C-alpha cells in the first residue's frame, strides 16, 4: 500500500514541477558545492551541507535566495541573498 501512495505522490509532485519549474537539478550539484565547502572550512565556518547545496542551486541558476536565516549564507560568495522578514 505504501508503494502505491508513493507513486501517486511522485506523479503529483512531477505534475507540479511541470507547472512551476524551479530550476535545473544536474551533475553540477556533485562538483560545485565542493568549492563552497572548502572555502567555508578554511574560513573556520561549519556551514551545513544542506545550506551549501541550497546556495549552489541558487548560484548556478542565478536565483536570489530569500530567507530569514541569512547568517547561514552571509559569507557565501556570488550568492544573491535577501531577507524579506527583517
N, C-alpha and C. Protein backbone atom coordinates (compact mmCIF):
# COMPACT_ATOMS: atom_id res chain seq x y z
N UNK A 1 0.82 -1.20 0.00
CA UNK A 1 0.00 0.00 0.00
C UNK A 1 0.86 1.26 0.00
N UNK A 2 1.95 1.27 0.77
CA UNK A 2 2.80 2.45 0.84
C UNK A 2 3.43 2.77 -0.50
N UNK A 3 3.82 1.76 -1.25
CA UNK A 3 4.41 1.97 -2.57
C UNK A 3 3.41 2.63 -3.51
N UNK A 4 2.17 2.24 -3.44
CA UNK A 4 1.13 2.86 -4.28
C UNK A 4 1.00 4.33 -3.94
N UNK A 5 0.99 4.66 -2.65
CA UNK A 5 0.89 6.06 -2.23
C UNK A 5 2.09 6.86 -2.70
N UNK A 6 3.27 6.26 -2.59
CA UNK A 6 4.49 6.97 -3.02
C UNK A 6 4.43 7.25 -4.51
N UNK A 7 3.96 6.32 -5.29
CA UNK A 7 3.85 6.51 -6.74
C UNK A 7 2.87 7.63 -7.05
N UNK A 8 1.74 7.64 -6.38
CA UNK A 8 0.75 8.69 -6.59
C UNK A 8 1.32 10.05 -6.19
N UNK A 9 2.01 10.10 -5.06
CA UNK A 9 2.59 11.36 -4.61
C UNK A 9 3.66 11.84 -5.57
N UNK A 10 4.47 10.92 -6.09
CA UNK A 10 5.52 11.29 -7.04
C UNK A 10 4.90 11.85 -8.32
N UNK A 11 3.84 11.26 -8.80
CA UNK A 11 3.17 11.76 -10.01
C UNK A 11 2.61 13.17 -9.77
N UNK A 12 2.05 13.40 -8.60
CA UNK A 12 1.54 14.73 -8.27
C UNK A 12 2.68 15.74 -8.20
N UNK A 13 3.79 15.33 -7.59
CA UNK A 13 4.96 16.21 -7.49
C UNK A 13 5.52 16.53 -8.88
N UNK A 14 5.62 15.54 -9.73
CA UNK A 14 6.13 15.75 -11.09
C UNK A 14 5.21 16.68 -11.88
N UNK A 15 3.90 16.53 -11.72
CA UNK A 15 2.95 17.42 -12.39
C UNK A 15 3.11 18.85 -11.89
N UNK A 16 3.30 19.00 -10.59
CA UNK A 16 3.52 20.33 -10.01
C UNK A 16 4.77 20.96 -10.59
N UNK A 17 5.84 20.18 -10.67
CA UNK A 17 7.12 20.71 -11.19
C UNK A 17 7.02 21.11 -12.66
N UNK A 18 6.17 20.43 -13.41
CA UNK A 18 5.96 20.81 -14.81
C UNK A 18 5.24 22.15 -14.90
N UNK A 19 4.33 22.41 -13.99
CA UNK A 19 3.60 23.67 -13.97
C UNK A 19 4.46 24.82 -13.46
N UNK A 20 5.28 24.52 -12.46
CA UNK A 20 6.10 25.53 -11.80
C UNK A 20 7.55 25.07 -11.72
N UNK A 21 8.27 25.13 -12.83
CA UNK A 21 9.66 24.68 -12.79
C UNK A 21 10.47 25.54 -11.83
N UNK A 22 11.30 24.91 -11.04
CA UNK A 22 12.05 25.64 -10.03
C UNK A 22 13.51 25.81 -10.40
N UNK A 23 14.00 25.11 -11.38
CA UNK A 23 15.40 25.24 -11.77
C UNK A 23 15.99 23.91 -12.16
N UNK A 24 17.18 23.98 -12.63
CA UNK A 24 17.86 22.80 -13.13
C UNK A 24 18.56 22.06 -11.98
N UNK A 25 18.25 20.79 -11.87
CA UNK A 25 19.00 19.92 -10.97
C UNK A 25 19.88 19.07 -11.86
N UNK A 26 21.17 19.08 -11.62
CA UNK A 26 22.04 18.32 -12.50
C UNK A 26 23.34 17.93 -11.83
N UNK A 27 24.25 17.46 -12.65
CA UNK A 27 25.55 16.98 -12.16
C UNK A 27 26.35 18.08 -11.47
N UNK A 28 26.05 19.34 -11.76
CA UNK A 28 26.77 20.43 -11.09
C UNK A 28 26.66 20.32 -9.57
N UNK A 29 25.57 19.71 -9.08
CA UNK A 29 25.38 19.56 -7.64
C UNK A 29 26.32 18.52 -7.04
N UNK A 30 27.05 17.82 -7.89
CA UNK A 30 28.03 16.86 -7.39
C UNK A 30 29.42 17.49 -7.26
N UNK A 31 29.68 18.56 -8.01
CA UNK A 31 31.02 19.14 -8.01
C UNK A 31 31.09 20.56 -7.45
N UNK A 32 30.18 21.42 -7.81
CA UNK A 32 30.25 22.83 -7.42
C UNK A 32 30.19 23.07 -5.91
N UNK A 33 29.44 22.28 -5.15
CA UNK A 33 29.41 22.52 -3.70
C UNK A 33 30.77 22.34 -3.02
N UNK A 34 31.65 21.57 -3.62
CA UNK A 34 32.95 21.31 -3.01
C UNK A 34 33.72 22.61 -2.80
N UNK A 35 33.69 23.50 -3.80
CA UNK A 35 34.38 24.78 -3.69
C UNK A 35 33.87 25.61 -2.52
N UNK A 36 32.57 25.66 -2.37
CA UNK A 36 31.98 26.41 -1.26
C UNK A 36 32.36 25.75 0.06
N UNK A 37 32.26 24.45 0.11
CA UNK A 37 32.60 23.71 1.33
C UNK A 37 34.03 24.01 1.78
N UNK A 38 34.98 23.94 0.83
CA UNK A 38 36.39 24.18 1.15
C UNK A 38 36.60 25.61 1.64
N UNK A 39 36.02 26.59 0.96
CA UNK A 39 36.16 27.99 1.37
C UNK A 39 35.60 28.22 2.77
N UNK A 40 34.45 27.64 3.04
CA UNK A 40 33.82 27.81 4.35
C UNK A 40 34.68 27.19 5.46
N UNK A 41 35.20 25.99 5.21
CA UNK A 41 36.03 25.32 6.22
C UNK A 41 37.33 26.08 6.45
N UNK A 42 37.95 26.57 5.36
CA UNK A 42 39.20 27.32 5.50
C UNK A 42 38.98 28.60 6.30
N UNK A 43 37.78 29.16 6.21
CA UNK A 43 37.45 30.39 6.95
C UNK A 43 37.00 30.08 8.38
N UNK A 44 36.99 28.80 8.73
CA UNK A 44 36.61 28.41 10.09
C UNK A 44 35.11 28.33 10.32
N UNK A 45 34.35 28.29 9.24
CA UNK A 45 32.89 28.20 9.37
C UNK A 45 32.44 26.78 9.07
N UNK A 46 31.50 26.29 9.86
CA UNK A 46 30.95 24.95 9.67
C UNK A 46 29.56 25.05 9.05
N UNK A 47 29.51 25.47 7.82
CA UNK A 47 28.23 25.61 7.11
C UNK A 47 27.64 24.24 6.85
N UNK A 48 26.36 24.10 7.14
CA UNK A 48 25.67 22.83 6.94
C UNK A 48 25.68 22.42 5.47
N UNK A 49 25.77 21.11 5.23
CA UNK A 49 25.78 20.60 3.86
C UNK A 49 24.54 21.04 3.08
N UNK A 50 23.39 20.97 3.73
CA UNK A 50 22.14 21.36 3.05
C UNK A 50 22.19 22.82 2.63
N UNK A 51 22.75 23.68 3.47
CA UNK A 51 22.86 25.10 3.13
C UNK A 51 23.79 25.31 1.93
N UNK A 52 24.85 24.52 1.88
CA UNK A 52 25.78 24.61 0.75
C UNK A 52 25.09 24.18 -0.54
N UNK A 53 24.29 23.13 -0.48
CA UNK A 53 23.56 22.70 -1.68
C UNK A 53 22.52 23.73 -2.11
N UNK A 54 21.83 24.32 -1.15
CA UNK A 54 20.86 25.37 -1.47
C UNK A 54 21.57 26.55 -2.13
N UNK A 55 22.68 26.97 -1.56
CA UNK A 55 23.44 28.08 -2.13
C UNK A 55 23.93 27.75 -3.53
N UNK A 56 24.45 26.55 -3.71
CA UNK A 56 24.93 26.14 -5.04
C UNK A 56 23.81 26.17 -6.06
N UNK A 57 22.65 25.65 -5.68
CA UNK A 57 21.49 25.65 -6.58
C UNK A 57 21.14 27.08 -7.00
N UNK A 58 21.10 27.99 -6.04
CA UNK A 58 20.75 29.38 -6.33
C UNK A 58 21.81 30.06 -7.19
N UNK A 59 23.07 29.85 -6.87
CA UNK A 59 24.16 30.47 -7.65
C UNK A 59 24.13 29.94 -9.08
N UNK A 60 24.03 28.63 -9.23
CA UNK A 60 24.07 28.02 -10.57
C UNK A 60 22.91 28.49 -11.45
N UNK A 61 21.74 28.66 -10.86
CA UNK A 61 20.55 29.06 -11.62
C UNK A 61 20.34 30.57 -11.63
N UNK A 62 21.28 31.32 -11.03
CA UNK A 62 21.21 32.78 -10.94
C UNK A 62 19.91 33.22 -10.26
N UNK A 63 19.61 32.56 -9.14
CA UNK A 63 18.43 32.87 -8.35
C UNK A 63 18.82 33.72 -7.14
N UNK A 64 17.84 34.39 -6.59
CA UNK A 64 18.00 35.12 -5.34
C UNK A 64 17.46 34.22 -4.23
N UNK A 65 18.24 34.01 -3.21
CA UNK A 65 17.79 33.23 -2.07
C UNK A 65 17.12 34.17 -1.08
N UNK A 66 15.85 33.93 -0.83
CA UNK A 66 15.08 34.73 0.12
C UNK A 66 14.90 33.89 1.38
N UNK A 67 15.48 34.37 2.48
CA UNK A 67 15.42 33.63 3.74
C UNK A 67 15.55 34.58 4.92
N UNK A 68 14.98 34.17 6.02
CA UNK A 68 15.14 34.92 7.27
C UNK A 68 16.40 34.45 7.99
N UNK A 69 16.98 33.38 7.51
CA UNK A 69 18.14 32.77 8.13
C UNK A 69 19.41 33.16 7.38
N UNK A 70 19.64 34.44 7.25
CA UNK A 70 20.76 34.93 6.43
C UNK A 70 22.12 34.59 7.01
N UNK A 71 22.22 34.40 8.32
CA UNK A 71 23.53 34.14 8.92
C UNK A 71 24.15 32.85 8.40
N UNK A 72 23.34 31.91 7.92
CA UNK A 72 23.87 30.67 7.36
C UNK A 72 24.48 30.88 5.97
N UNK A 73 24.14 32.00 5.33
CA UNK A 73 24.52 32.20 3.93
C UNK A 73 25.33 33.46 3.68
N UNK A 74 25.46 34.32 4.68
CA UNK A 74 26.10 35.64 4.51
C UNK A 74 27.46 35.61 3.85
N UNK A 75 28.25 34.62 4.12
CA UNK A 75 29.64 34.60 3.67
C UNK A 75 29.87 33.84 2.37
N UNK A 76 28.82 33.35 1.75
CA UNK A 76 28.99 32.57 0.53
C UNK A 76 29.06 33.52 -0.66
N UNK A 77 30.21 33.50 -1.32
CA UNK A 77 30.46 34.40 -2.46
C UNK A 77 29.51 34.11 -3.61
N UNK A 78 29.14 35.15 -4.32
CA UNK A 78 28.31 35.09 -5.53
C UNK A 78 26.85 34.70 -5.27
N UNK A 79 26.47 34.58 -4.00
CA UNK A 79 25.08 34.26 -3.68
C UNK A 79 24.30 35.55 -3.49
N UNK A 80 23.22 35.68 -4.23
CA UNK A 80 22.33 36.83 -4.08
C UNK A 80 21.36 36.48 -2.95
N UNK A 81 21.43 37.23 -1.86
CA UNK A 81 20.70 36.90 -0.64
C UNK A 81 19.85 38.08 -0.21
N UNK A 82 18.58 37.78 0.12
CA UNK A 82 17.65 38.82 0.56
C UNK A 82 16.86 38.29 1.77
N UNK A 83 16.68 39.15 2.75
CA UNK A 83 15.87 38.83 3.91
C UNK A 83 14.64 39.72 3.88
N UNK A 84 13.50 39.18 3.50
CA UNK A 84 12.27 39.95 3.43
C UNK A 84 11.60 40.07 4.80
N UNK A 85 12.03 39.24 5.75
CA UNK A 85 11.39 39.24 7.06
C UNK A 85 11.99 40.30 7.99
N UNK A 86 13.20 40.70 7.72
CA UNK A 86 13.82 41.59 8.71
C UNK A 86 14.59 42.68 8.14
